Amino acid sequence: MTTAASAGAAAAAAAAIAQAIKASGTLVRVEPEELRRILDRQEAPLVVVASKSGFFGEKHQYLTGYRGLAFYARSPRPIELPGTAEVVVARSIWMPS
């Protein structure tokens, strides 16, 4: 699979997660340690990651789907992801307030 095709597949998968959030309206915010446990339960998890450095330090955001729910975590430090994870790097992740 070419890099462009792989990027297209990852973007489609990220869009599917976003659509699932819209359809179900369910977004679960968890602590970074719980997100890591959720990722460890999956063979090849898809993780959307956005990182930003600013005046107050770094902010890392993570989004993944599991069993029909979308899980979101925010951390001041990077979360160690499983080696089997497919990572989509996003410019930002917007969460409804």
PDB file of N, CA and C in Angstrom:
ATOM      1  N   MET A   1       0.852  -1.168   0.000  1.00  0.00           N
ATOM      2  CA  MET A   1       0.000   0.000   0.000  1.00  0.00           C
ATOM      3  C   MET A   1       0.898   1.232   0.000  1.00  0.00           C
ATOM      4  N   THR A   2       0.607   2.208  -0.842  1.00  0.00           N
ATOM      5  CA  THR A   2       1.416   3.418  -0.906  1.00  0.00           C
ATOM      6  C   THR A   2       1.163   4.307   0.296  1.00  0.00           C
ATOM      7  N   THR A   3       2.074   5.241   0.509  1.00  0.00           N
ATOM      8  CA  THR A   3       1.918   6.175   1.629  1.00  0.00           C
ATOM      9  C   THR A   3       0.648   6.983   1.486  1.00  0.00           C
ATOM     10  N   ALA A   4       0.353   7.440   0.266  1.00  0.00           N
ATOM     11  CA  ALA A   4      -0.866   8.221   0.034  1.00  0.00           C
ATOM     12  C   ALA A   4      -2.109   7.385   0.309  1.00  0.00           C
ATOM     13  N   ALA A   5      -2.106   6.133  -0.123  1.00  0.00           N
ATOM     14  CA  ALA A   5      -3.250   5.261   0.123  1.00  0.00           C
ATOM     15  C   ALA A   5      -3.399   4.981   1.612  1.00  0.00           C
ATOM     16  N   SER A   6      -2.269   4.782   2.282  1.00  0.00           N
ATOM     17  CA  SER A   6      -2.300   4.536   3.724  1.00  0.00           C
ATOM     18  C   SER A   6      -2.822   5.763   4.469  1.00  0.00           C
ATOM     19  N   ALA A   7      -2.378   6.935   4.061  1.00  0.00           N
ATOM     20  CA  ALA A   7      -2.864   8.177   4.684  1.00  0.00           C
ATOM     21  C   ALA A   7      -4.352   8.355   4.414  1.00  0.00           C
ATOM     22  N   GLY A   8      -4.784   8.008   3.209  1.00  0.00           N
ATOM     23  CA  GLY A   8      -6.204   8.105   2.877  1.00  0.00           C
ATOM     24  C   GLY A   8      -7.042   7.154   3.720  1.00  0.00           C
ATOM     25  N   ALA A   9      -6.533   5.950   3.928  1.00  0.00           N
ATOM     26  CA  ALA A   9      -7.249   4.975   4.755  1.00  0.00           C
ATOM     27  C   ALA A   9      -7.317   5.451   6.204  1.00  0.00           C
ATOM     28  N   ALA A  10      -6.227   6.016   6.697  1.00  0.00           N
ATOM     29  CA  ALA A  10      -6.218   6.529   8.070  1.00  0.00           C
ATOM     30  C   ALA A  10      -7.194   7.689   8.217  1.00  0.00           C
ATOM     31  N   ALA A  11      -7.223   8.569   7.226  1.00  0.00           N
ATOM     32  CA  ALA A  11      -8.152   9.705   7.274  1.00  0.00           C
ATOM     33  C   ALA A  11      -9.596   9.205   7.245  1.00  0.00           C
ATOM     34  N   ALA A  12      -9.864   8.189   6.434  1.00  0.00           N
ATOM     35  CA  ALA A  12     -11.215   7.626   6.368  1.00  0.00           C
ATOM     36  C   ALA A  12     -11.605   7.003   7.708  1.00  0.00           C
ATOM     37  N   ALA A  13     -10.662   6.332   8.347  1.00  0.00           N
ATOM     38  CA  ALA A  13     -10.940   5.721   9.651  1.00  0.00           C
ATOM     39  C   ALA A  13     -11.199   6.796  10.702  1.00  0.00           C
ATOM     40  N   ALA A  14     -10.422   7.878  10.674  1.00  0.00           N
ATOM     41  CA  ALA A  14     -10.637   8.983  11.617  1.00  0.00           C
ATOM     42  C   ALA A  14     -11.999   9.626  11.378  1.00  0.00           C
ATOM     43  N   ALA A  15     -12.377   9.756  10.113  1.00  0.00           N
ATOM     44  CA  ALA A  15     -13.688  10.309   9.782  1.00  0.00           C
ATOM     45  C   ALA A  15     -14.798   9.389  10.285  1.00  0.00           C
ATOM     46  N   ALA A  16     -14.560   8.086  10.222  1.00  0.00           N
ATOM     47  CA  ALA A  16     -15.558   7.132  10.717  1.00  0.00           C
ATOM     48  C   ALA A  16     -15.743   7.273  12.228  1.00  0.00           C
ATOM     49  N   ILE A  17     -14.649   7.487  12.957  1.00  0.00           N
ATOM     50  CA  ILE A  17     -14.757   7.711  14.402  1.00  0.00           C
ATOM     51  C   ILE A  17     -15.550   8.978  14.667  1.00  0.00           C
ATOM     52  N   ALA A  18     -15.218  10.048  13.925  1.00  0.00           N
ATOM     53  CA  ALA A  18     -15.931  11.317  14.104  1.00  0.00           C
ATOM     54  C   ALA A  18     -17.413  11.157  13.808  1.00  0.00           C
ATOM     55  N   GLN A  19     -17.745  10.420  12.748  1.00  0.00           N
ATOM     56  CA  GLN A  19     -19.145  10.193  12.395  1.00  0.00           C
ATOM     57  C   GLN A  19     -19.853   9.381  13.470  1.00  0.00           C
ATOM     58  N   ALA A  20     -19.151   8.417  14.048  1.00  0.00           N
ATOM     59  CA  ALA A  20     -19.735   7.612  15.121  1.00  0.00           C
ATOM     60  C   ALA A  20     -20.055   8.479  16.332  1.00  0.00           C
ATOM     61  N   ILE A  21     -19.176   9.441  16.615  1.00  0.00           N
ATOM     62  CA  ILE A  21     -19.430  10.343  17.733  1.00  0.00           C
ATOM     63  C   ILE A  21     -20.689  11.161  17.459  1.00  0.00           C
ATOM     64  N   LYS A  22     -20.791  11.688  16.252  1.00  0.00           N
ATOM     65  CA  LYS A  22     -21.974  12.474  15.889  1.00  0.00           C
ATOM     66  C   LYS A  22     -23.239  11.638  15.975  1.00  0.00           C
ATOM     67  N   ALA A  23     -23.176  10.418  15.465  1.00  0.00           N
ATOM     68  CA  ALA A  23     -24.350   9.555  15.408  1.00  0.00           C
ATOM     69  C   ALA A  23     -24.795   9.117  16.794  1.00  0.00           C
ATOM     70  N   SER A  24     -23.839   8.749  17.625  1.00  0.00           N
ATOM     71  CA  SER A  24     -24.205   8.227  18.935  1.00  0.00           C
ATOM     72  C   SER A  24     -24.260   9.308  20.004  1.00  0.00           C
ATOM     73  N   GLY A  25     -23.532  10.377  19.788  1.00  0.00           N
ATOM     74  CA  GLY A  25     -23.481  11.438  20.778  1.00  0.00           C
ATOM     75  C   GLY A  25     -22.734  11.035  22.038  1.00  0.00           C
ATOM     76  N   THR A  26     -22.026   9.925  21.998  1.00  0.00           N
ATOM     77  CA  THR A  26     -21.343   9.430  23.183  1.00  0.00           C
ATOM     78  C   THR A  26     -19.849   9.651  23.065  1.00  0.00           C
ATOM     79  N   LEU A  27     -19.339  10.448  23.967  1.00  0.00           N
ATOM     80  CA  LEU A  27     -17.912  10.702  24.053  1.00  0.00           C
ATOM     81  C   LEU A  27     -17.539  10.551  25.525  1.00  0.00           C
ATOM     82  N   VAL A  28     -16.585   9.696  25.789  1.00  0.00           N
ATOM     83  CA  VAL A  28     -16.204   9.397  27.166  1.00  0.00           C
ATOM     84  C   VAL A  28     -14.814   9.970  27.424  1.00  0.00           C
ATOM     85  N   ARG A  29     -14.734  10.888  28.376  1.00  0.00           N
ATOM     86  CA  ARG A  29     -13.432  11.446  28.729  1.00  0.00           C
ATOM     87  C   ARG A  29     -12.841  10.601  29.848  1.00  0.00           C
ATOM     88  N   VAL A  30     -11.605  10.156  29.643  1.00  0.00           N
ATOM     89  CA  VAL A  30     -10.933   9.293  30.612  1.00  0.00           C
ATOM     90  C   VAL A  30      -9.552   9.857  30.932  1.00  0.00           C
ATOM     91  N   GLU A  31      -8.982   9.356  31.997  1.00  0.00           N
ATOM     92  CA  GLU A  31      -7.618   9.721  32.363  1.00  0.00           C
ATOM     93  C   GLU A  31      -6.651   9.005  31.411  1.00  0.00           C
ATOM     94  N   PRO A  32      -5.452   9.553  31.225  1.00  0.00           N
ATOM     95  CA  PRO A  32      -4.483   8.932  30.307  1.00  0.00           C
ATOM     96  C   PRO A  32      -4.205   7.456  30.606  1.00  0.00           C
ATOM     97  N   GLU A  33      -4.152   7.082  31.889  1.00  0.00           N
ATOM     98  CA  GLU A  33      -3.876   5.681  32.238  1.00  0.00           C
ATOM     99  C   GLU A  33      -5.006   4.760  31.770  1.00  0.00           C
ATOM    100  N   GLU A  34      -6.244   5.232  31.880  1.00  0.00           N
ATOM    101  CA  GLU A  34      -7.383   4.422  31.435  1.00  0.00           C
ATOM    102  C   GLU A  34      -7.398   4.305  29.920  1.00  0.00           C
ATOM    103  N   LEU A  35      -7.049   5.372  29.227  1.00  0.00           N
ATOM    104  CA  LEU A  35      -6.972   5.306  27.761  1.00  0.00           C
ATOM    105  C   LEU A  35      -5.951   4.256  27.352  1.00  0.00           C
ATOM    106  N   ARG A  36      -4.827   4.226  28.025  1.00  0.00           N
ATOM    107  CA  ARG A  36      -3.795   3.238  27.703  1.00  0.00           C
ATOM    108  C   ARG A  36      -4.323   1.815  27.919  1.00  0.00           C
ATOM    109  N   ARG A  37      -5.091   1.596  28.976  1.00  0.00           N
ATOM    110  CA  ARG A  37      -5.673   0.266  29.216  1.00  0.00           C
ATOM    111  C   ARG A  37      -6.665  -0.102  28.104  1.00  0.00           C
ATOM    112  N   ILE A  38      -7.436   0.874  27.641  1.00  0.00           N
ATOM    113  CA  ILE A  38      -8.378   0.639  26.536  1.00  0.00           C
ATOM    114  C   ILE A  38      -7.611   0.277  25.271  1.00  0.00           C
ATOM    115  N   LEU A  39      -6.529   0.979  24.999  1.00  0.00           N
ATOM    116  CA  LEU A  39      -5.724   0.693  23.814  1.00  0.00           C
ATOM    117  C   LEU A  39      -5.102  -0.693  23.892  1.00  0.00           C
ATOM    118  N   ASP A  40      -4.705  -1.098  25.083  1.00  0.00           N
ATOM    119  CA  ASP A  40      -4.090  -2.421  25.258  1.00  0.00           C
ATOM    120  C   ASP A  40      -5.073  -3.562  25.021  1.00  0.00           C
ATOM    121  N   ARG A  41      -6.372  -3.297  25.098  1.00  0.00           N
ATOM    122  CA  ARG A  41      -7.395  -4.333  24.858  1.00  0.00           C
ATOM    123  C   ARG A  41      -7.612  -4.603  23.370  1.00  0.00           C
ATOM    124  N   GLN A  42      -7.070  -3.737  22.508  1.00  0.00           N
ATOM    125  CA  GLN A  42      -7.320  -3.845  21.069  1.00  0.00           C
ATOM    126  C   GLN A  42      -6.089  -4.380  20.344  1.00  0.00           C
ATOM    127  N   GLU A  43      -6.334  -5.150  19.275  1.00  0.00           N
ATOM    128  CA  GLU A  43      -5.227  -5.688  18.490  1.00  0.00           C
ATOM    129  C   GLU A  43      -4.460  -4.606  17.756  1.00  0.00           C
ATOM    130  N   ALA A  44      -5.181  -3.747  17.051  1.00  0.00           N
ATOM    131  CA  ALA A  44      -4.558  -2.688  16.252  1.00  0.00           C
ATOM    132  C   ALA A  44      -5.416  -1.426  16.373  1.00  0.00           C
ATOM    133  N   PRO A  45      -5.317  -0.734  17.506  1.00  0.00           N
ATOM    134  CA  PRO A  45      -6.185   0.431  17.708  1.00  0.00           C
ATOM    135  C   PRO A  45      -5.835   1.593  16.785  1.00  0.00           C
ATOM    136  N   LEU A  46      -6.860   2.340  16.409  1.00  0.00           N
ATOM    137  CA  LEU A  46      -6.673   3.574  15.666  1.00  0.00           C
ATOM    138  C   LEU A  46      -6.713   4.702  16.690  1.00  0.00           C
ATOM    139  N   VAL A  47      -5.689   5.548  16.704  1.00  0.00           N
ATOM    140  CA  VAL A  47      -5.597   6.632  17.676  1.00  0.00           C
ATOM    141  C   VAL A  47      -5.363   7.937  16.928  1.00  0.00           C
ATOM    142  N   VAL A  48      -6.231   8.912  17.182  1.00  0.00           N
ATOM    143  CA  VAL A  48      -6.036  10.253  16.644  1.00  0.00           C
ATOM    144  C   VAL A  48      -5.305  11.038  17.725  1.00  0.00           C
ATOM    145  N   VAL A  49      -4.195  11.676  17.347  1.00  0.00           N
ATOM    146  CA  VAL A  49      -3.338  12.385  18.288  1.00  0.00           C
ATOM    147  C   VAL A  49      -3.151  13.826  17.826  1.00  0.00           C
ATOM    148  N   ALA A  50      -3.276  14.758  18.756  1.00  0.00           N
ATOM    149  CA  ALA A  50      -2.980  16.162  18.474  1.00  0.00           C
ATOM    150  C   ALA A  50      -2.138  16.695  19.620  1.00  0.00           C
ATOM    151  N   SER A  51      -1.050  17.372  19.289  1.00  0.00           N
ATOM    152  CA  SER A  51      -0.171  17.933  20.310  1.00  0.00           C
ATOM    153  C   SER A  51       0.053  19.410  20.016  1.00  0.00           C
ATOM    154  N   LYS A  52       0.133  20.170  21.101  1.00  0.00           N
ATOM    155  CA  LYS A  52       0.331  21.606  20.941  1.00  0.00           C
ATOM    156  C   LYS A  52       1.249  22.106  22.047  1.00  0.00           C
ATOM    157  N   SER A  53       2.238  22.910  21.677  1.00  0.00           N
ATOM    158  CA  SER A  53       3.104  23.557  22.654  1.00  0.00           C
ATOM    159  C   SER A  53       2.682  25.004  22.762  1.00  0.00           C
ATOM    160  N   GLY A  54       2.669  25.500  23.965  1.00  0.00           N
ATOM    161  CA  GLY A  54       2.272  26.881  24.175  1.00  0.00           C
ATOM    162  C   GLY A  54       2.941  27.473  25.394  1.00  0.00           C
ATOM    163  N   PHE A  55       2.480  28.623  25.781  1.00  0.00           N
ATOM    164  CA  PHE A  55       3.039  29.348  26.912  1.00  0.00           C
ATOM    165  C   PHE A  55       2.959  28.536  28.203  1.00  0.00           C
ATOM    166  N   PHE A  56       1.889  27.776  28.367  1.00  0.00           N
ATOM    167  CA  PHE A  56       1.683  26.999  29.584  1.00  0.00           C
ATOM    168  C   PHE A  56       2.202  25.571  29.474  1.00  0.00           C
ATOM    169  N   GLY A  57       2.980  25.270  28.458  1.00  0.00           N
ATOM    170  CA  GLY A  57       3.552  23.940  28.295  1.00  0.00           C
ATOM    171  C   GLY A  57       2.891  23.169  27.165  1.00  0.00           C
ATOM    172  N   GLU A  58       3.150  21.882  27.143  1.00  0.00           N
ATOM    173  CA  GLU A  58       2.605  21.019  26.095  1.00  0.00           C
ATOM    174  C   GLU A  58       1.242  20.469  26.497  1.00  0.00           C
ATOM    175  N   LYS A  59       0.425  20.216  25.477  1.00  0.00           N
ATOM    176  CA  LYS A  59      -0.875  19.582  25.688  1.00  0.00           C
ATOM    177  C   LYS A  59      -1.016  18.497  24.621  1.00  0.00           C
ATOM    178  N   HIS A  60      -1.265  17.295  25.048  1.00  0.00           N
ATOM    179  CA  HIS A  60      -1.427  16.164  24.137  1.00  0.00           C
ATOM    180  C   HIS A  60      -2.859  15.652  24.272  1.00  0.00           C
ATOM    181  N   GLN A  61      -3.531  15.459  23.135  1.00  0.00           N
ATOM    182  CA  GLN A  61      -4.900  14.961  23.125  1.00  0.00           C
ATOM    183  C   GLN A  61      -4.948  13.661  22.337  1.00  0.00           C
ATOM    184  N   TYR A  62      -5.798  12.747  22.791  1.00  0.00           N
ATOM    185  CA  TYR A  62      -5.920  11.424  22.179  1.00  0.00           C
ATOM    186  C   TYR A  62      -7.389  11.058  22.046  1.00  0.00           C
ATOM    187  N   LEU A  63      -7.720  10.427  20.929  1.00  0.00           N
ATOM    188  CA  LEU A  63      -9.085   9.987  20.660  1.00  0.00           C
ATOM    189  C   LEU A  63      -9.027   8.606  20.031  1.00  0.00           C
ATOM    190  N   THR A  64      -9.828   7.685  20.558  1.00  0.00           N
ATOM    191  CA  THR A  64      -9.904   6.342  19.985  1.00  0.00           C
ATOM    192  C   THR A  64     -11.319   5.804  20.149  1.00  0.00           C
ATOM    193  N   GLY A  65     -11.668   4.854  19.329  1.00  0.00           N
ATOM    194  CA  GLY A  65     -12.961   4.198  19.440  1.00  0.00           C
ATOM    195  C   GLY A  65     -12.787   2.791  19.985  1.00  0.00           C
ATOM    196  N   TYR A  66     -13.762   2.351  20.783  1.00  0.00           N
ATOM    197  CA  TYR A  66     -13.723   0.996  21.326  1.00  0.00           C
ATOM    198  C   TYR A  66     -15.134   0.576  21.679  1.00  0.00           C
ATOM    199  N   ARG A  67     -15.583  -0.533  21.090  1.00  0.00           N
ATOM    200  CA  ARG A  67     -16.912  -1.101  21.340  1.00  0.00           C
ATOM    201  C   ARG A  67     -18.041  -0.093  21.181  1.00  0.00           C
ATOM    202  N   GLY A  68     -17.929   0.734  20.142  1.00  0.00           N
ATOM    203  CA  GLY A  68     -18.996   1.664  19.813  1.00  0.00           C
ATOM    204  C   GLY A  68     -18.967   2.978  20.568  1.00  0.00           C
ATOM    205  N   LEU A  69     -17.979   3.159  21.426  1.00  0.00           N
ATOM    206  CA  LEU A  69     -17.842   4.408  22.162  1.00  0.00           C
ATOM    207  C   LEU A  69     -16.567   5.114  21.717  1.00  0.00           C
ATOM    208  N   ALA A  70     -16.535   6.414  21.878  1.00  0.00           N
ATOM    209  CA  ALA A  70     -15.333   7.185  21.576  1.00  0.00           C
ATOM    210  C   ALA A  70     -14.733   7.644  22.898  1.00  0.00           C
ATOM    211  N   PHE A  71     -13.443   7.393  23.068  1.00  0.00           N
ATOM    212  CA  PHE A  71     -12.745   7.748  24.296  1.00  0.00           C
ATOM    213  C   PHE A  71     -11.730   8.839  24.013  1.00  0.00           C
ATOM    214  N   TYR A  72     -11.693   9.830  24.905  1.00  0.00           N
ATOM    215  CA  TYR A  72     -10.833  10.995  24.752  1.00  0.00           C
ATOM    216  C   TYR A  72     -10.025  11.190  26.028  1.00  0.00           C
ATOM    217  N   ALA A  73      -8.740  11.515  25.856  1.00  0.00           N
ATOM    218  CA  ALA A  73      -7.900  11.830  27.009  1.00  0.00           C
ATOM    219  C   ALA A  73      -6.990  12.996  26.660  1.00  0.00           C
ATOM    220  N   ARG A  74      -6.654  13.755  27.688  1.00  0.00           N
ATOM    221  CA  ARG A  74      -5.738  14.883  27.536  1.00  0.00           C
ATOM    222  C   ARG A  74      -4.639  14.703  28.576  1.00  0.00           C
ATOM    223  N   SER A  75      -3.396  15.014  28.174  1.00  0.00           N
ATOM    224  CA  SER A  75      -2.269  14.794  29.067  1.00  0.00           C
ATOM    225  C   SER A  75      -1.193  15.856  28.838  1.00  0.00           C
ATOM    226  N   PRO A  76      -0.503  16.263  29.901  1.00  0.00           N
ATOM    227  CA  PRO A  76       0.607  17.196  29.716  1.00  0.00           C
ATOM    228  C   PRO A  76       1.854  16.501  29.148  1.00  0.00           C
ATOM    229  N   ARG A  77       1.870  15.173  29.219  1.00  0.00           N
ATOM    230  CA  ARG A  77       2.987  14.378  28.687  1.00  0.00           C
ATOM    231  C   ARG A  77       2.459  13.398  27.652  1.00  0.00           C
ATOM    232  N   PRO A  78       3.295  13.031  26.681  1.00  0.00           N
ATOM    233  CA  PRO A  78       2.858  12.035  25.693  1.00  0.00           C
ATOM    234  C   PRO A  78       2.500  10.713  26.364  1.00  0.00           C
ATOM    235  N   ILE A  79       1.472  10.061  25.848  1.00  0.00           N
ATOM    236  CA  ILE A  79       1.082   8.737  26.312  1.00  0.00           C
ATOM    237  C   ILE A  79       1.807   7.722  25.439  1.00  0.00           C
ATOM    238  N   GLU A  80       2.393   6.721  26.058  1.00  0.00           N
ATOM    239  CA  GLU A  80       3.062   5.675  25.287  1.00  0.00           C
ATOM    240  C   GLU A  80       1.988   4.817  24.624  1.00  0.00           C
ATOM    241  N   LEU A  81       2.011   4.780  23.302  1.00  0.00           N
ATOM    242  CA  LEU A  81       1.011   4.022  22.543  1.00  0.00           C
ATOM    243  C   LEU A  81       1.544   2.644  22.214  1.00  0.00           C
ATOM    244  N   PRO A  82       0.646   1.655  22.087  1.00  0.00           N
ATOM    245  CA  PRO A  82       1.098   0.307  21.705  1.00  0.00           C
ATOM    246  C   PRO A  82       1.758   0.338  20.329  1.00  0.00           C
ATOM    247  N   GLY A  83       2.712  -0.530  20.115  1.00  0.00           N
ATOM    248  CA  GLY A  83       3.402  -0.605  18.827  1.00  0.00           C
ATOM    249  C   GLY A  83       2.481  -0.970  17.683  1.00  0.00           C
ATOM    250  N   THR A  84       1.353  -1.593  17.985  1.00  0.00           N
ATOM    251  CA  THR A  84       0.406  -1.996  16.942  1.00  0.00           C
ATOM    252  C   THR A  84      -0.582  -0.895  16.581  1.00  0.00           C
ATOM    253  N   ALA A  85      -0.514   0.239  17.278  1.00  0.00           N
ATOM    254  CA  ALA A  85      -1.481   1.319  17.046  1.00  0.00           C
ATOM    255  C   ALA A  85      -1.250   1.978  15.693  1.00  0.00           C
ATOM    256  N   GLU A  86      -2.348   2.270  15.017  1.00  0.00           N
ATOM    257  CA  GLU A  86      -2.299   3.097  13.808  1.00  0.00           C
ATOM    258  C   GLU A  86      -2.590   4.513  14.280  1.00  0.00           C
ATOM    259  N   VAL A  87      -1.651   5.406  14.049  1.00  0.00           N
ATOM    260  CA  VAL A  87      -1.742   6.763  14.579  1.00  0.00           C
ATOM    261  C   VAL A  87      -2.054   7.746  13.464  1.00  0.00           C
ATOM    262  N   VAL A  88      -3.062   8.574  13.708  1.00  0.00           N
ATOM    263  CA  VAL A  88      -3.395   9.671  12.810  1.00  0.00           C
ATOM    264  C   VAL A  88      -3.040  10.947  13.560  1.00  0.00           C
ATOM    265  N   VAL A  89      -2.114  11.712  12.989  1.00  0.00           N
ATOM    266  CA  VAL A  89      -1.714  12.965  13.618  1.00  0.00           C
ATOM    267  C   VAL A  89      -2.614  14.066  13.072  1.00  0.00           C
ATOM    268  N   ALA A  90      -3.323  14.703  13.980  1.00  0.00           N
ATOM    269  CA  ALA A  90      -4.263  15.760  13.603  1.00  0.00           C
ATOM    270  C   ALA A  90      -3.712  17.114  14.034  1.00  0.00           C
ATOM    271  N   ARG A  91      -4.129  18.145  13.337  1.00  0.00           N
ATOM    272  CA  ARG A  91      -3.747  19.498  13.731  1.00  0.00           C
ATOM    273  C   ARG A  91      -4.368  19.838  15.084  1.00  0.00           C
ATOM    274  N   SER A  92      -5.608  19.397  15.278  1.00  0.00           N
ATOM    275  CA  SER A  92      -6.287  19.620  16.549  1.00  0.00           C
ATOM    276  C   SER A  92      -7.429  18.618  16.692  1.00  0.00           C
ATOM    277  N   ILE A  93      -7.874  18.447  17.912  1.00  0.00           N
ATOM    278  CA  ILE A  93      -9.048  17.643  18.216  1.00  0.00           C
ATOM    279  C   ILE A  93     -10.006  18.563  18.941  1.00  0.00           C
ATOM    280  N   TRP A  94     -11.191  18.723  18.419  1.00  0.00           N
ATOM    281  CA  TRP A  94     -12.188  19.579  19.041  1.00  0.00           C
ATOM    282  C   TRP A  94     -13.153  18.728  19.836  1.00  0.00           C
ATOM    283  N   MET A  95     -13.357  19.078  21.078  1.00  0.00           N
ATOM    284  CA  MET A  95     -14.284  18.367  21.929  1.00  0.00           C
ATOM    285  C   MET A  95     -15.420  19.299  22.310  1.00  0.00           C
ATOM    286  N   PRO A  96     -16.658  18.834  22.210  1.00  0.00           N
ATOM    287  CA  PRO A  96     -17.770  19.674  22.630  1.00  0.00           C
ATOM    288  C   PRO A  96     -17.708  19.919  24.137  1.00  0.00           C
ATOM    289  N   SER A  97     -18.131  21.098  24.554  1.00  0.00           N
ATOM    290  CA  SER A  97     -18.065  21.389  25.986  1.00  0.00           C
ATOM    291  C   SER A  97     -19.389  21.163  26.667  1.00  0.00           C
TER     292      SER A  97
END
